[in-house]
Amino acid sequence: MKFQITAIFIFFTLNIIAQNKFIAHRGASHLAPENTVASAKLAWELGADAVEIDVYLSKDNRVMVIHDKNTKRTCSGKKNLEIKDNPSMLLRDLDAGIWKGEEFKGEKIPFLKEIIETVPDGKTLVVEIKCGSEILPALKRSVEKFEKSKQIVFICFDWKTILDTQKEFPDYKCYWLSSSKSGLNKKMEEAAEKGLAGVNLKYSIIDEAVVAMAEENNLEVLTWTVDDANEAKRLTEIGVVGITTNRPKWLKEEMAKL
């Protein structure tokens, strides 16, 4: 009997985990330099269900994969370059990997297309738009040639930009990002009206009431950034369907132990 109960518990736990997607935050950023091809490839190797990246538009209208509006934090060299004010060729002259370790020396700020090329069948790329709607024409050129509408989703904090993105990419899922609970119910109603797929919320503002409200509006709930197994388990059990984490393989394994 004890063996049967244990087996049932393990099955239940694994089933809960299987219902969720583990989204690698800026790739496998705990181990590799964030928002690089190396980080994306490592995340896939570690079994991530999805990879989340950030994009800005360069001066020459190329979609660049980087979290910050400038190169100061993640790129080596004396120059601190603003992404929007510099051409992609100059931005890619900088080393975006060596700060994480000698083995990553030579990693460049990727073009979006270089990350898309790494996405395996059945996996998802989550693209966070860090600038405004001005990026959309270039984004469309980068994305549409790959015909991966079911594998690429868009997220953004700016309300107007995510709505513009949904209009520009009607066949792609789009999610509004937020870290505030204030006015959230109203915003979820508006998100449903505008055809968004869901909301992507900071984990600390998510509770059963928030998930229930989302479900009433047929919205999915994603969350960021969770590196604690107990918190990930709580969120999964109340209905969150995607958890962004810096440590996808480790988090999945730790959840299975709970």
C-alpha atoms as a PDB file:
ATOM      1  CA  MET A   1       0.000   0.000   0.000  1.00  0.00           C
ATOM      2  CA  LYS A   2       2.831   2.383   0.928  1.00  0.00           C
ATOM      3  CA  PHE A   3       4.477   1.698  -2.443  1.00  0.00           C
ATOM      4  CA  GLN A   4       1.183   2.394  -4.263  1.00  0.00           C
ATOM      5  CA  ILE A   5       0.697   5.706  -2.448  1.00  0.00           C
ATOM      6  CA  THR A   6       4.281   6.749  -3.230  1.00  0.00           C
ATOM      7  CA  ALA A   7       3.874   5.791  -6.883  1.00  0.00           C
ATOM      8  CA  ILE A   8       0.619   7.757  -7.142  1.00  0.00           C
ATOM      9  CA  PHE A   9       2.247  10.801  -5.520  1.00  0.00           C
ATOM     10  CA  ILE A  10       5.205  10.687  -7.914  1.00  0.00           C
ATOM     11  CA  PHE A  11       2.874  10.316 -10.904  1.00  0.00           C
ATOM     12  CA  PHE A  12       0.775  13.267  -9.696  1.00  0.00           C
ATOM     13  CA  THR A  13       3.861  15.431  -9.179  1.00  0.00           C
ATOM     14  CA  LEU A  14       5.334  14.610 -12.568  1.00  0.00           C
ATOM     15  CA  ASN A  15       1.971  15.216 -14.212  1.00  0.00           C
ATOM     16  CA  ILE A  16       1.782  18.691 -12.650  1.00  0.00           C
ATOM     17  CA  ILE A  17       5.281  19.490 -13.890  1.00  0.00           C
ATOM     18  CA  ALA A  18       4.463  18.176 -17.369  1.00  0.00           C
ATOM     19  CA  GLN A  19       1.517  20.562 -17.623  1.00  0.00           C
ATOM     20  CA  ASN A  20       3.868  23.510 -17.258  1.00  0.00           C
ATOM     21  CA  LYS A  21       6.434  24.999 -19.611  1.00  0.00           C
ATOM     22  CA  PHE A  22       9.874  25.866 -18.298  1.00  0.00           C
ATOM     23  CA  ILE A  23      11.078  29.003 -20.067  1.00  0.00           C
ATOM     24  CA  ALA A  24      14.817  29.654 -19.983  1.00  0.00           C
ATOM     25  CA  HIS A  25      15.313  33.305 -18.991  1.00  0.00           C
ATOM     26  CA  ARG A  26      17.550  34.915 -21.635  1.00  0.00           C
ATOM     27  CA  GLY A  27      18.593  31.361 -22.425  1.00  0.00           C
ATOM     28  CA  ALA A  28      20.447  29.268 -19.868  1.00  0.00           C
ATOM     29  CA  SER A  29      21.643  32.492 -18.266  1.00  0.00           C
ATOM     30  CA  HIS A  30      22.769  30.907 -15.003  1.00  0.00           C
ATOM     31  CA  LEU A  31      25.494  29.067 -16.902  1.00  0.00           C
ATOM     32  CA  ALA A  32      26.051  31.015 -20.130  1.00  0.00           C
ATOM     33  CA  PRO A  33      26.093  34.688 -21.163  1.00  0.00           C
ATOM     34  CA  GLU A  34      22.508  35.890 -21.403  1.00  0.00           C
ATOM     35  CA  ASN A  35      20.836  36.572 -24.750  1.00  0.00           C
ATOM     36  CA  THR A  36      23.517  34.863 -26.823  1.00  0.00           C
ATOM     37  CA  VAL A  37      23.433  31.973 -29.260  1.00  0.00           C
ATOM     38  CA  ALA A  38      25.475  29.955 -26.754  1.00  0.00           C
ATOM     39  CA  SER A  39      22.914  30.585 -24.033  1.00  0.00           C
ATOM     40  CA  ALA A  40      20.007  29.596 -26.275  1.00  0.00           C
ATOM     41  CA  LYS A  41      21.700  26.401 -27.474  1.00  0.00           C
ATOM     42  CA  LEU A  42      22.596  25.381 -23.925  1.00  0.00           C
ATOM     43  CA  ALA A  43      18.997  25.915 -22.805  1.00  0.00           C
ATOM     44  CA  TRP A  44      17.761  23.538 -25.498  1.00  0.00           C
ATOM     45  CA  GLU A  45      20.404  20.990 -24.487  1.00  0.00           C
ATOM     46  CA  LEU A  46      19.208  21.229 -20.878  1.00  0.00           C
ATOM     47  CA  GLY A  47      15.639  20.425 -21.894  1.00  0.00           C
ATOM     48  CA  ALA A  48      14.013  23.834 -21.680  1.00  0.00           C
ATOM     49  CA  ASP A  49      10.553  23.971 -23.230  1.00  0.00           C
ATOM     50  CA  ALA A  50      11.094  27.558 -24.326  1.00  0.00           C
ATOM     51  CA  VAL A  51      13.745  30.271 -24.426  1.00  0.00           C
ATOM     52  CA  GLU A  52      13.001  33.896 -23.582  1.00  0.00           C
ATOM     53  CA  ILE A  53      15.056  36.656 -25.203  1.00  0.00           C
ATOM     54  CA  ASP A  54      14.945  40.460 -25.381  1.00  0.00           C
ATOM     55  CA  VAL A  55      15.135  42.598 -28.512  1.00  0.00           C
ATOM     56  CA  TYR A  56      15.947  46.177 -29.459  1.00  0.00           C
ATOM     57  CA  LEU A  57      16.134  47.886 -32.842  1.00  0.00           C
ATOM     58  CA  SER A  58      19.535  49.101 -34.047  1.00  0.00           C
ATOM     59  CA  LYS A  59      20.137  52.304 -36.016  1.00  0.00           C
ATOM     60  CA  ASP A  60      20.240  50.337 -39.274  1.00  0.00           C
ATOM     61  CA  ASN A  61      16.921  48.611 -38.493  1.00  0.00           C
ATOM     62  CA  ARG A  62      18.251  45.237 -37.424  1.00  0.00           C
ATOM     63  CA  VAL A  63      16.613  43.318 -34.589  1.00  0.00           C
ATOM     64  CA  MET A  64      19.304  42.844 -31.933  1.00  0.00           C
ATOM     65  CA  VAL A  65      19.036  40.362 -29.057  1.00  0.00           C
ATOM     66  CA  ILE A  66      20.038  42.189 -25.862  1.00  0.00           C
ATOM     67  CA  HIS A  67      18.280  43.066 -22.602  1.00  0.00           C
ATOM     68  CA  ASP A  68      19.644  46.555 -21.934  1.00  0.00           C
ATOM     69  CA  LYS A  69      19.282  49.656 -24.069  1.00  0.00           C
ATOM     70  CA  ASN A  70      23.087  49.893 -24.164  1.00  0.00           C
ATOM     71  CA  THR A  71      26.088  47.575 -24.186  1.00  0.00           C
ATOM     72  CA  LYS A  72      27.670  48.644 -20.860  1.00  0.00           C
ATOM     73  CA  ARG A  73      26.671  45.662 -18.682  1.00  0.00           C
ATOM     74  CA  THR A  74      27.001  42.664 -20.994  1.00  0.00           C
ATOM     75  CA  CYS A  75      29.638  43.607 -23.573  1.00  0.00           C
ATOM     76  CA  SER A  76      33.374  44.038 -23.149  1.00  0.00           C
ATOM     77  CA  GLY A  77      35.312  46.986 -24.448  1.00  0.00           C
ATOM     78  CA  LYS A  78      35.718  50.647 -23.620  1.00  0.00           C
ATOM     79  CA  LYS A  79      32.716  51.737 -25.616  1.00  0.00           C
ATOM     80  CA  ASN A  80      29.229  51.968 -24.118  1.00  0.00           C
ATOM     81  CA  LEU A  81      26.955  51.966 -27.130  1.00  0.00           C
ATOM     82  CA  GLU A  82      23.247  52.778 -27.205  1.00  0.00           C
ATOM     83  CA  ILE A  83      21.522  50.143 -29.325  1.00  0.00           C
ATOM     84  CA  LYS A  84      19.158  52.539 -31.111  1.00  0.00           C
ATOM     85  CA  ASP A  85      21.951  54.975 -31.996  1.00  0.00           C
ATOM     86  CA  ASN A  86      24.432  52.531 -33.502  1.00  0.00           C
ATOM     87  CA  PRO A  87      24.554  50.243 -36.552  1.00  0.00           C
ATOM     88  CA  SER A  88      24.504  46.507 -36.040  1.00  0.00           C
ATOM     89  CA  MET A  89      28.012  46.038 -37.468  1.00  0.00           C
ATOM     90  CA  LEU A  90      29.501  48.246 -34.747  1.00  0.00           C
ATOM     91  CA  LEU A  91      27.420  46.607 -32.009  1.00  0.00           C
ATOM     92  CA  ARG A  92      28.548  43.158 -33.112  1.00  0.00           C
ATOM     93  CA  ASP A  93      32.213  44.172 -32.907  1.00  0.00           C
ATOM     94  CA  LEU A  94      31.876  43.939 -29.121  1.00  0.00           C
ATOM     95  CA  ASP A  95      32.319  40.698 -27.181  1.00  0.00           C
ATOM     96  CA  ALA A  96      29.056  39.695 -25.490  1.00  0.00           C
ATOM     97  CA  GLY A  97      30.334  36.506 -23.884  1.00  0.00           C
ATOM     98  CA  ILE A  98      33.705  36.835 -22.227  1.00  0.00           C
ATOM     99  CA  TRP A  99      32.264  38.473 -19.096  1.00  0.00           C
ATOM    100  CA  LYS A 100      30.722  35.094 -18.250  1.00  0.00           C
ATOM    101  CA  GLY A 101      33.889  33.074 -18.885  1.00  0.00           C
ATOM    102  CA  GLU A 102      36.799  32.532 -21.279  1.00  0.00           C
ATOM    103  CA  GLU A 103      34.931  29.660 -22.927  1.00  0.00           C
ATOM    104  CA  PHE A 104      32.371  32.155 -24.215  1.00  0.00           C
ATOM    105  CA  LYS A 105      34.895  34.593 -25.679  1.00  0.00           C
ATOM    106  CA  GLY A 106      33.820  35.813 -29.100  1.00  0.00           C
ATOM    107  CA  GLU A 107      30.060  35.587 -28.594  1.00  0.00           C
ATOM    108  CA  LYS A 108      28.360  38.444 -30.403  1.00  0.00           C
ATOM    109  CA  ILE A 109      25.129  40.287 -29.774  1.00  0.00           C
ATOM    110  CA  PRO A 110      22.926  38.055 -31.950  1.00  0.00           C
ATOM    111  CA  PHE A 111      20.562  39.046 -34.677  1.00  0.00           C
ATOM    112  CA  LEU A 112      17.100  37.679 -33.904  1.00  0.00           C
ATOM    113  CA  LYS A 113      17.289  35.359 -36.902  1.00  0.00           C
ATOM    114  CA  GLU A 114      20.347  33.646 -35.398  1.00  0.00           C
ATOM    115  CA  ILE A 115      18.376  32.729 -32.284  1.00  0.00           C
ATOM    116  CA  ILE A 116      15.352  31.592 -34.294  1.00  0.00           C
ATOM    117  CA  GLU A 117      17.622  29.231 -36.218  1.00  0.00           C
ATOM    118  CA  THR A 118      18.438  27.398 -32.968  1.00  0.00           C
ATOM    119  CA  VAL A 119      14.805  26.625 -32.060  1.00  0.00           C
ATOM    120  CA  PRO A 120      14.110  22.871 -32.328  1.00  0.00           C
ATOM    121  CA  ASP A 121      10.792  21.435 -33.487  1.00  0.00           C
ATOM    122  CA  GLY A 122       8.221  21.443 -30.720  1.00  0.00           C
ATOM    123  CA  LYS A 123       9.965  24.203 -28.749  1.00  0.00           C
ATOM    124  CA  THR A 124       8.988  27.847 -28.263  1.00  0.00           C
ATOM    125  CA  LEU A 125      10.828  31.162 -28.527  1.00  0.00           C
ATOM    126  CA  VAL A 126       9.500  33.951 -26.306  1.00  0.00           C
ATOM    127  CA  VAL A 127      10.493  37.358 -27.695  1.00  0.00           C
ATOM    128  CA  GLU A 128      10.292  40.309 -25.314  1.00  0.00           C
ATOM    129  CA  ILE A 129      10.082  43.642 -27.114  1.00  0.00           C
ATOM    130  CA  LYS A 130      12.097  46.137 -25.070  1.00  0.00           C
ATOM    131  CA  CYS A 131      11.538  49.172 -27.276  1.00  0.00           C
ATOM    132  CA  GLY A 132       8.386  50.466 -28.984  1.00  0.00           C
ATOM    133  CA  SER A 133       6.309  49.689 -32.044  1.00  0.00           C
ATOM    134  CA  GLU A 134       8.988  51.120 -34.327  1.00  0.00           C
ATOM    135  CA  ILE A 135      10.619  47.681 -34.258  1.00  0.00           C
ATOM    136  CA  LEU A 136       7.629  45.873 -35.770  1.00  0.00           C
ATOM    137  CA  PRO A 137       8.452  46.179 -39.507  1.00  0.00           C
ATOM    138  CA  ALA A 138      11.969  44.812 -38.935  1.00  0.00           C
ATOM    139  CA  LEU A 139      10.614  42.201 -36.539  1.00  0.00           C
ATOM    140  CA  LYS A 140       8.176  41.023 -39.165  1.00  0.00           C
ATOM    141  CA  ARG A 141      10.951  40.682 -41.755  1.00  0.00           C
ATOM    142  CA  SER A 142      13.048  38.664 -39.305  1.00  0.00           C
ATOM    143  CA  VAL A 143      10.275  36.334 -38.193  1.00  0.00           C
ATOM    144  CA  GLU A 144       8.057  35.599 -41.164  1.00  0.00           C
ATOM    145  CA  LYS A 145      10.725  33.978 -43.352  1.00  0.00           C
ATOM    146  CA  PHE A 146      10.949  31.124 -40.831  1.00  0.00           C
ATOM    147  CA  GLU A 147       7.230  30.229 -40.881  1.00  0.00           C
ATOM    148  CA  LYS A 148       7.228  29.397 -37.165  1.00  0.00           C
ATOM    149  CA  SER A 149       4.086  31.192 -36.036  1.00  0.00           C
ATOM    150  CA  LYS A 150       3.235  28.370 -33.633  1.00  0.00           C
ATOM    151  CA  GLN A 151       6.713  28.436 -32.105  1.00  0.00           C
ATOM    152  CA  ILE A 152       7.240  32.158 -31.540  1.00  0.00           C
ATOM    153  CA  VAL A 153       5.344  34.315 -29.058  1.00  0.00           C
ATOM    154  CA  PHE A 154       5.722  37.966 -28.131  1.00  0.00           C
ATOM    155  CA  ILE A 155       5.683  39.684 -24.745  1.00  0.00           C
ATOM    156  CA  CYS A 156       5.979  43.339 -23.790  1.00  0.00           C
ATOM    157  CA  PHE A 157       5.415  45.662 -20.810  1.00  0.00           C
ATOM    158  CA  ASP A 158       4.209  48.545 -22.967  1.00  0.00           C
ATOM    159  CA  TRP A 159       0.465  48.219 -23.529  1.00  0.00           C
ATOM    160  CA  LYS A 160       0.320  50.022 -26.877  1.00  0.00           C
ATOM    161  CA  THR A 161       3.276  48.077 -28.243  1.00  0.00           C
ATOM    162  CA  ILE A 162       1.854  44.661 -27.387  1.00  0.00           C
ATOM    163  CA  LEU A 163      -1.508  45.607 -28.931  1.00  0.00           C
ATOM    164  CA  ASP A 164       0.262  46.850 -32.070  1.00  0.00           C
ATOM    165  CA  THR A 165       2.213  43.587 -32.127  1.00  0.00           C
ATOM    166  CA  GLN A 166      -0.988  41.533 -31.950  1.00  0.00           C
ATOM    167  CA  LYS A 167      -2.374  43.478 -34.913  1.00  0.00           C
ATOM    168  CA  GLU A 168       0.846  43.018 -36.894  1.00  0.00           C
ATOM    169  CA  PHE A 169       1.121  39.315 -36.001  1.00  0.00           C
ATOM    170  CA  PRO A 170      -2.465  38.011 -35.782  1.00  0.00           C
ATOM    171  CA  ASP A 171      -1.337  34.369 -36.014  1.00  0.00           C
ATOM    172  CA  TYR A 172       1.146  34.669 -33.133  1.00  0.00           C
ATOM    173  CA  LYS A 173       0.423  34.576 -29.402  1.00  0.00           C
ATOM    174  CA  CYS A 174       1.014  37.848 -27.573  1.00  0.00           C
ATOM    175  CA  TYR A 175       1.170  38.411 -23.800  1.00  0.00           C
ATOM    176  CA  TRP A 176       1.173  41.611 -21.766  1.00  0.00           C
ATOM    177  CA  LEU A 177       3.877  41.837 -19.097  1.00  0.00           C
ATOM    178  CA  SER A 178       3.219  43.379 -15.685  1.00  0.00           C
ATOM    179  CA  SER A 179       4.689  43.492 -12.195  1.00  0.00           C
ATOM    180  CA  SER A 180       1.786  45.389 -10.628  1.00  0.00           C
ATOM    181  CA  LYS A 181      -1.496  44.122  -9.251  1.00  0.00           C
ATOM    182  CA  SER A 182      -3.086  47.549  -9.448  1.00  0.00           C
ATOM    183  CA  GLY A 183      -5.810  47.608 -12.097  1.00  0.00           C
ATOM    184  CA  LEU A 184      -4.896  44.079 -13.181  1.00  0.00           C
ATOM    185  CA  ASN A 185      -8.455  42.760 -13.409  1.00  0.00           C
ATOM    186  CA  LYS A 186      -9.482  45.563 -15.747  1.00  0.00           C
ATOM    187  CA  LYS A 187      -6.369  45.104 -17.841  1.00  0.00           C
ATOM    188  CA  MET A 188      -7.061  41.373 -18.206  1.00  0.00           C
ATOM    189  CA  GLU A 189     -10.572  42.126 -19.437  1.00  0.00           C
ATOM    190  CA  GLU A 190      -9.104  44.536 -22.000  1.00  0.00           C
ATOM    191  CA  ALA A 191      -6.448  41.984 -22.980  1.00  0.00           C
ATOM    192  CA  ALA A 192      -9.164  39.452 -23.749  1.00  0.00           C
ATOM    193  CA  GLU A 193     -11.133  42.010 -25.762  1.00  0.00           C
ATOM    194  CA  LYS A 194      -8.040  42.851 -27.824  1.00  0.00           C
ATOM    195  CA  GLY A 195      -7.293  39.207 -28.586  1.00  0.00           C
ATOM    196  CA  LEU A 196      -4.155  38.726 -26.487  1.00  0.00           C
ATOM    197  CA  ALA A 197      -3.322  35.138 -25.521  1.00  0.00           C
ATOM    198  CA  GLY A 198      -2.629  35.980 -21.903  1.00  0.00           C
ATOM    199  CA  VAL A 199      -0.605  37.841 -19.316  1.00  0.00           C
ATOM    200  CA  ASN A 200       2.964  37.338 -18.124  1.00  0.00           C
ATOM    201  CA  LEU A 201       3.158  38.433 -14.483  1.00  0.00           C
ATOM    202  CA  LYS A 202       5.805  38.775 -11.812  1.00  0.00           C
ATOM    203  CA  TYR A 203       5.432  35.684  -9.623  1.00  0.00           C
ATOM    204  CA  SER A 204       4.909  37.657  -6.404  1.00  0.00           C
ATOM    205  CA  ILE A 205       1.591  39.155  -7.557  1.00  0.00           C
ATOM    206  CA  ILE A 206       0.046  35.848  -8.665  1.00  0.00           C
ATOM    207  CA  ASP A 207      -2.496  34.121  -6.447  1.00  0.00           C
ATOM    208  CA  GLU A 208      -5.562  31.967  -7.002  1.00  0.00           C
ATOM    209  CA  ALA A 209      -7.793  35.006  -7.540  1.00  0.00           C
ATOM    210  CA  VAL A 210      -5.522  36.347 -10.283  1.00  0.00           C
ATOM    211  CA  VAL A 211      -5.468  32.994 -12.080  1.00  0.00           C
ATOM    212  CA  ALA A 212      -9.244  32.640 -11.707  1.00  0.00           C
ATOM    213  CA  MET A 213      -9.768  36.071 -13.253  1.00  0.00           C
ATOM    214  CA  ALA A 214      -7.496  35.155 -16.140  1.00  0.00           C
ATOM    215  CA  GLU A 215      -9.350  31.888 -16.707  1.00  0.00           C
ATOM    216  CA  GLU A 216     -12.682  33.761 -16.742  1.00  0.00           C
ATOM    217  CA  ASN A 217     -11.279  35.778 -19.633  1.00  0.00           C
ATOM    218  CA  ASN A 218      -9.759  32.727 -21.371  1.00  0.00           C
ATOM    219  CA  LEU A 219      -6.257  34.072 -20.810  1.00  0.00           C
ATOM    220  CA  GLU A 220      -3.142  32.048 -20.073  1.00  0.00           C
ATOM    221  CA  VAL A 221      -0.893  33.059 -17.181  1.00  0.00           C
ATOM    222  CA  LEU A 222       2.888  32.997 -17.527  1.00  0.00           C
ATOM    223  CA  THR A 223       5.306  34.181 -14.862  1.00  0.00           C
ATOM    224  CA  TRP A 224       8.874  35.433 -14.283  1.00  0.00           C
ATOM    225  CA  THR A 225      11.572  34.931 -12.905  1.00  0.00           C
ATOM    226  CA  VAL A 226      11.426  31.900 -10.580  1.00  0.00           C
ATOM    227  CA  ASP A 227      14.438  29.958  -9.318  1.00  0.00           C
ATOM    228  CA  ASP A 228      12.776  28.464  -6.240  1.00  0.00           C
ATOM    229  CA  ALA A 229      11.215  24.995  -6.529  1.00  0.00           C
ATOM    230  CA  ASN A 230       8.574  25.549  -3.837  1.00  0.00           C
ATOM    231  CA  GLU A 231       7.426  28.761  -5.479  1.00  0.00           C
ATOM    232  CA  ALA A 232       7.370  27.122  -8.901  1.00  0.00           C
ATOM    233  CA  LYS A 233       5.266  24.278  -7.505  1.00  0.00           C
ATOM    234  CA  ARG A 234       2.803  26.736  -5.914  1.00  0.00           C
ATOM    235  CA  LEU A 235       2.393  28.630  -9.159  1.00  0.00           C
ATOM    236  CA  THR A 236       1.947  25.465 -11.213  1.00  0.00           C
ATOM    237  CA  GLU A 237      -0.676  24.061  -8.845  1.00  0.00           C
ATOM    238  CA  ILE A 238      -2.848  27.189  -9.092  1.00  0.00           C
ATOM    239  CA  GLY A 239      -2.777  27.158 -12.886  1.00  0.00           C
ATOM    240  CA  VAL A 240       0.238  29.067 -14.186  1.00  0.00           C
ATOM    241  CA  VAL A 241       1.207  27.432 -17.495  1.00  0.00           C
ATOM    242  CA  GLY A 242       4.687  28.840 -18.087  1.00  0.00           C
ATOM    243  CA  ILE A 243       7.489  29.594 -15.624  1.00  0.00           C
ATOM    244  CA  THR A 244      10.467  31.685 -16.675  1.00  0.00           C
ATOM    245  CA  THR A 245      13.638  30.659 -14.847  1.00  0.00           C
ATOM    246  CA  ASN A 246      17.388  31.111 -15.056  1.00  0.00           C
ATOM    247  CA  ARG A 247      17.832  27.388 -14.283  1.00  0.00           C
ATOM    248  CA  PRO A 248      15.316  25.305 -16.305  1.00  0.00           C
ATOM    249  CA  LYS A 249      16.853  21.844 -15.862  1.00  0.00           C
ATOM    250  CA  TRP A 250      17.675  22.334 -12.178  1.00  0.00           C
ATOM    251  CA  LEU A 251      14.228  23.749 -11.379  1.00  0.00           C
ATOM    252  CA  LYS A 252      12.413  20.890 -13.077  1.00  0.00           C
ATOM    253  CA  GLU A 253      14.522  18.346 -11.198  1.00  0.00           C
ATOM    254  CA  GLU A 254      14.043  20.092  -7.861  1.00  0.00           C
ATOM    255  CA  MET A 255      10.280  20.296  -8.334  1.00  0.00           C
ATOM    256  CA  ALA A 256      10.165  16.559  -8.963  1.00  0.00           C
ATOM    257  CA  LYS A 257      11.676  15.992  -5.514  1.00  0.00           C
ATOM    258  CA  LEU A 258       8.946  17.902  -3.668  1.00  0.00           C
END
